Amino acid sequence: MAQKSEKEIEQRIEDLPTEFIALIISSADIYSIAQETALKVLIGKKGMNGAYVTFNRPYSTLKATIKGMGLDLSKLFFIDLITESAGGSAERCATDNCFYVSSPKNLTELSILMEQAMLRLPAEKRFVFIDSISTMLIYNDPDTVLRFIHALTGKMRLLGITGIIFLLEKESDEKFKAQVAQFCDKVITI
C-alpha cells in the first residue's frame, strides 16, 4: 500500500506545472510517506528551493529526517512552530536556515516570518510546504485558518511561488476542505 501511494503522489506532483498550489489530503497512515515523497519530487527531481512550515515536528527532527532522505538541506528554509511552544530550546544559529515561531496560535508572527523566508529563496523554482493545516486547526479556529491560507496563497501567487499544503483526511469537515480547495489549483487525495 505505501509503495503504491508513494508512486501515486510522486507522479501527481511531477505532472503539475510550475507555480501551482496543491492541497494534498492524506490519510494518517501514509501522511509521512506522502510528505517525504513530495519533498523528494520538489527538491530532488524538480531542483526547487523551499520554505518548510512545520507544525508537527521540530526543526531538529526534520533536519535529521531530510538528511536521511539524501536531500540537500541547503535548499530548504524552515519555520518551526512546535519547538518553542513545546518548551524546547530554539537553536538560533546563523548557520541554520530556521525561524522559530513562539506559538502555533501566532499566525501574525508566522505570516511575517513566511514572507521573510519566501524573499530569501532564489527568484525561480521555489516552493512553500505547509506540513499540516490540520494542526493549525488545533490552535486556531477554522475561519482564522481560512483567512490565513487565503492571504498566504494570494501572496504566493504574486511572488510566483509553488505551494504544497497538507491536510489530514479525517481531521476536518467537508465544508472546510472545500473552502481551502478553492484557494488551490489542484486537490490531490491520497
Protein backbone atom coordinates (compact mmCIF):
# COMPACT_ATOMS: atom_id res chain seq x y z
CA MET A 1 0.00 0.00 0.00
CA ALA A 2 2.70 2.50 0.97
CA GLN A 3 4.74 1.81 -2.20
CA LYS A 4 1.65 2.38 -4.36
CA SER A 5 0.85 5.65 -2.53
CA GLU A 6 4.43 6.84 -2.85
CA LYS A 7 4.42 6.28 -6.62
CA GLU A 8 0.98 7.88 -6.94
CA ILE A 9 1.92 11.11 -5.15
CA GLU A 10 5.27 11.21 -6.93
CA GLN A 11 3.55 11.04 -10.31
CA ARG A 12 0.86 13.55 -9.39
CA ILE A 13 3.36 16.16 -8.20
CA GLU A 14 5.70 15.56 -11.13
CA ASP A 15 2.77 16.19 -13.50
CA LEU A 16 1.92 19.58 -12.01
CA PRO A 17 3.17 22.70 -13.78
CA THR A 18 5.45 25.19 -12.05
CA GLU A 19 3.88 27.87 -9.88
CA PHE A 20 0.91 25.80 -8.73
CA ILE A 21 -0.73 25.49 -5.34
CA ALA A 22 -1.78 21.97 -4.38
CA LEU A 23 -3.79 20.78 -1.42
CA ILE A 24 -2.79 17.24 -0.53
CA ILE A 25 -5.38 15.42 1.53
CA SER A 26 -3.85 12.32 3.05
CA SER A 27 -4.94 9.57 5.38
CA ALA A 28 -2.99 9.36 8.64
CA ASP A 29 -1.38 6.02 7.82
CA ILE A 30 0.54 7.36 4.81
CA TYR A 31 0.87 11.00 5.86
CA SER A 32 4.64 10.92 6.49
CA ILE A 33 5.29 8.95 3.31
CA ALA A 34 3.28 11.47 1.29
CA GLN A 35 5.23 14.39 2.77
CA GLU A 36 8.61 12.78 2.19
CA THR A 37 7.69 11.85 -1.37
CA ALA A 38 6.52 15.38 -2.13
CA LEU A 39 9.83 16.78 -0.86
CA LYS A 40 11.81 14.26 -2.94
CA VAL A 41 9.99 15.40 -6.07
CA LEU A 42 10.23 19.13 -5.36
CA ILE A 43 13.88 19.17 -4.28
CA GLY A 44 15.36 16.05 -5.85
CA LYS A 45 13.59 15.87 -9.19
CA LYS A 46 12.47 19.44 -9.86
CA GLY A 47 15.53 21.11 -8.29
CA MET A 48 13.44 23.59 -6.32
CA ASN A 49 14.25 25.54 -3.14
CA GLY A 50 11.63 25.91 -0.46
CA ALA A 51 10.32 27.12 2.85
CA TYR A 52 9.08 24.26 5.04
CA VAL A 53 6.50 25.34 7.64
CA THR A 54 6.31 22.72 10.37
CA PHE A 55 3.53 22.48 12.91
CA ASN A 56 4.19 18.83 13.75
CA ARG A 57 7.89 18.04 14.01
CA PRO A 58 10.68 20.19 15.47
CA TYR A 59 13.35 21.52 13.14
CA SER A 60 16.00 19.28 14.74
CA THR A 61 13.96 16.18 13.91
CA LEU A 62 13.12 17.33 10.38
CA LYS A 63 16.74 18.20 9.71
CA ALA A 64 17.82 14.64 10.53
CA THR A 65 14.95 13.10 8.55
CA ILE A 66 15.65 15.16 5.44
CA LYS A 67 19.38 14.44 5.64
CA GLY A 68 18.49 10.75 5.91
CA MET A 69 16.44 11.07 2.72
CA GLY A 70 19.55 12.24 0.91
CA LEU A 71 18.13 15.68 0.14
CA ASP A 72 20.17 18.87 0.13
CA LEU A 73 19.30 20.78 3.33
CA SER A 74 20.68 23.99 1.86
CA LYS A 75 17.67 24.02 -0.48
CA LEU A 76 15.28 24.41 2.46
CA PHE A 77 14.45 27.17 4.90
CA PHE A 78 12.40 26.09 7.92
CA ILE A 79 9.77 27.81 10.01
CA ASP A 80 9.30 25.84 13.22
CA LEU A 81 6.09 26.37 15.18
CA ILE A 82 6.49 23.46 17.59
CA THR A 83 9.89 23.74 19.33
CA GLU A 84 9.26 26.82 21.48
CA SER A 85 5.61 26.04 22.22
CA ALA A 86 6.59 22.55 23.40
CA GLY A 87 9.12 24.03 25.81
CA GLY A 88 12.16 23.21 23.72
CA SER A 89 15.10 25.46 23.24
CA ALA A 90 15.24 27.06 19.83
CA GLU A 91 18.70 26.64 18.40
CA ARG A 92 19.03 30.11 16.94
CA CYS A 93 22.17 29.85 14.93
CA ALA A 94 23.28 31.96 11.99
CA THR A 95 24.27 28.85 10.05
CA ASP A 96 20.88 27.18 10.39
CA ASN A 97 18.12 28.06 7.98
CA CYS A 98 15.32 28.22 10.51
CA PHE A 99 12.97 30.73 12.08
CA TYR A 100 11.17 29.79 15.29
CA VAL A 101 7.63 30.99 15.94
CA SER A 102 6.67 31.42 19.59
CA SER A 103 3.33 29.62 19.27
CA PRO A 104 1.17 27.85 16.65
CA LYS A 105 -1.52 30.37 17.64
CA ASN A 106 0.60 33.29 16.48
CA LEU A 107 -0.35 33.43 12.81
CA THR A 108 0.70 37.09 12.55
CA GLU A 109 4.28 36.20 13.52
CA LEU A 110 4.11 33.19 11.17
CA SER A 111 2.93 35.38 8.30
CA ILE A 112 5.78 37.87 8.79
CA LEU A 113 8.41 35.12 9.02
CA MET A 114 6.97 33.32 5.99
CA GLU A 115 7.26 36.46 3.92
CA GLN A 116 10.89 36.86 5.03
CA ALA A 117 11.58 33.21 4.21
CA MET A 118 9.93 33.46 0.77
CA LEU A 119 12.02 36.52 -0.05
CA ARG A 120 15.22 34.65 0.93
CA LEU A 121 14.52 31.92 -1.62
CA PRO A 122 16.05 32.18 -5.10
CA ALA A 123 13.92 34.09 -7.61
CA GLU A 124 12.90 30.98 -9.55
CA LYS A 125 11.84 27.41 -8.80
CA ARG A 126 10.74 27.95 -5.22
CA PHE A 127 8.03 26.49 -3.03
CA VAL A 128 6.30 26.76 0.33
CA PHE A 129 5.49 23.47 2.07
CA ILE A 130 2.99 23.50 4.95
CA ASP A 131 3.05 20.23 6.83
CA SER A 132 -0.40 20.44 8.28
CA ILE A 133 -3.28 22.82 8.32
CA SER A 134 -4.97 20.12 10.38
CA THR A 135 -2.63 21.01 13.24
CA MET A 136 -3.31 24.72 12.67
CA LEU A 137 -6.95 23.91 13.47
CA ILE A 138 -5.99 22.62 16.91
CA TYR A 139 -4.68 26.06 17.86
CA ASN A 140 -6.85 28.36 15.72
CA ASP A 141 -10.50 28.49 14.74
CA PRO A 142 -11.39 27.43 11.16
CA ASP A 143 -12.27 30.96 9.98
CA THR A 144 -8.89 32.29 11.12
CA VAL A 145 -7.09 29.42 9.37
CA LEU A 146 -9.07 30.04 6.17
CA ARG A 147 -8.20 33.75 6.20
CA PHE A 148 -4.55 32.87 6.76
CA ILE A 149 -4.48 30.32 3.92
CA HIS A 150 -6.30 32.73 1.60
CA ALA A 151 -3.80 35.54 2.30
CA LEU A 152 -0.85 33.15 2.01
CA THR A 153 -1.94 31.65 -1.31
CA GLY A 154 -2.53 35.15 -2.69
CA LYS A 155 1.00 36.19 -1.66
CA MET A 156 2.46 33.01 -3.16
CA ARG A 157 0.72 33.67 -6.47
CA LEU A 158 2.00 37.25 -6.55
CA LEU A 159 5.56 36.05 -5.91
CA GLY A 160 5.32 33.10 -8.32
CA ILE A 161 5.86 30.51 -5.60
CA THR A 162 4.65 26.92 -5.76
CA GLY A 163 2.65 25.74 -2.74
CA ILE A 164 2.10 22.35 -1.15
CA ILE A 165 -0.42 22.32 1.69
CA PHE A 166 -1.12 19.14 3.63
CA LEU A 167 -4.40 18.28 5.34
CA LEU A 168 -5.26 15.09 7.20
CA GLU A 169 -8.27 13.48 5.62
CA LYS A 170 -10.34 12.89 8.75
CA GLU A 171 -9.27 15.91 10.77
CA SER A 172 -11.56 18.44 9.11
CA ASP A 173 -15.07 18.59 7.79
CA GLU A 174 -16.09 18.65 4.13
CA LYS A 175 -17.02 22.34 4.22
CA PHE A 176 -13.56 23.32 5.46
CA LYS A 177 -11.85 21.12 2.84
CA ALA A 178 -13.96 22.69 0.09
CA GLN A 179 -13.13 26.20 1.30
CA VAL A 180 -9.39 25.50 1.35
CA ALA A 181 -9.62 23.77 -2.04
CA GLN A 182 -10.99 26.92 -3.66
CA PHE A 183 -7.66 28.66 -2.95
CA CYS A 184 -5.69 25.86 -4.65
CA ASP A 185 -5.09 24.88 -8.26
CA LYS A 186 -5.22 21.16 -7.59
CA VAL A 187 -6.53 18.87 -4.86
CA ILE A 188 -4.73 15.56 -4.53
CA THR A 189 -6.35 12.94 -2.31
CA ILE A 190 -4.07 10.10 -1.29
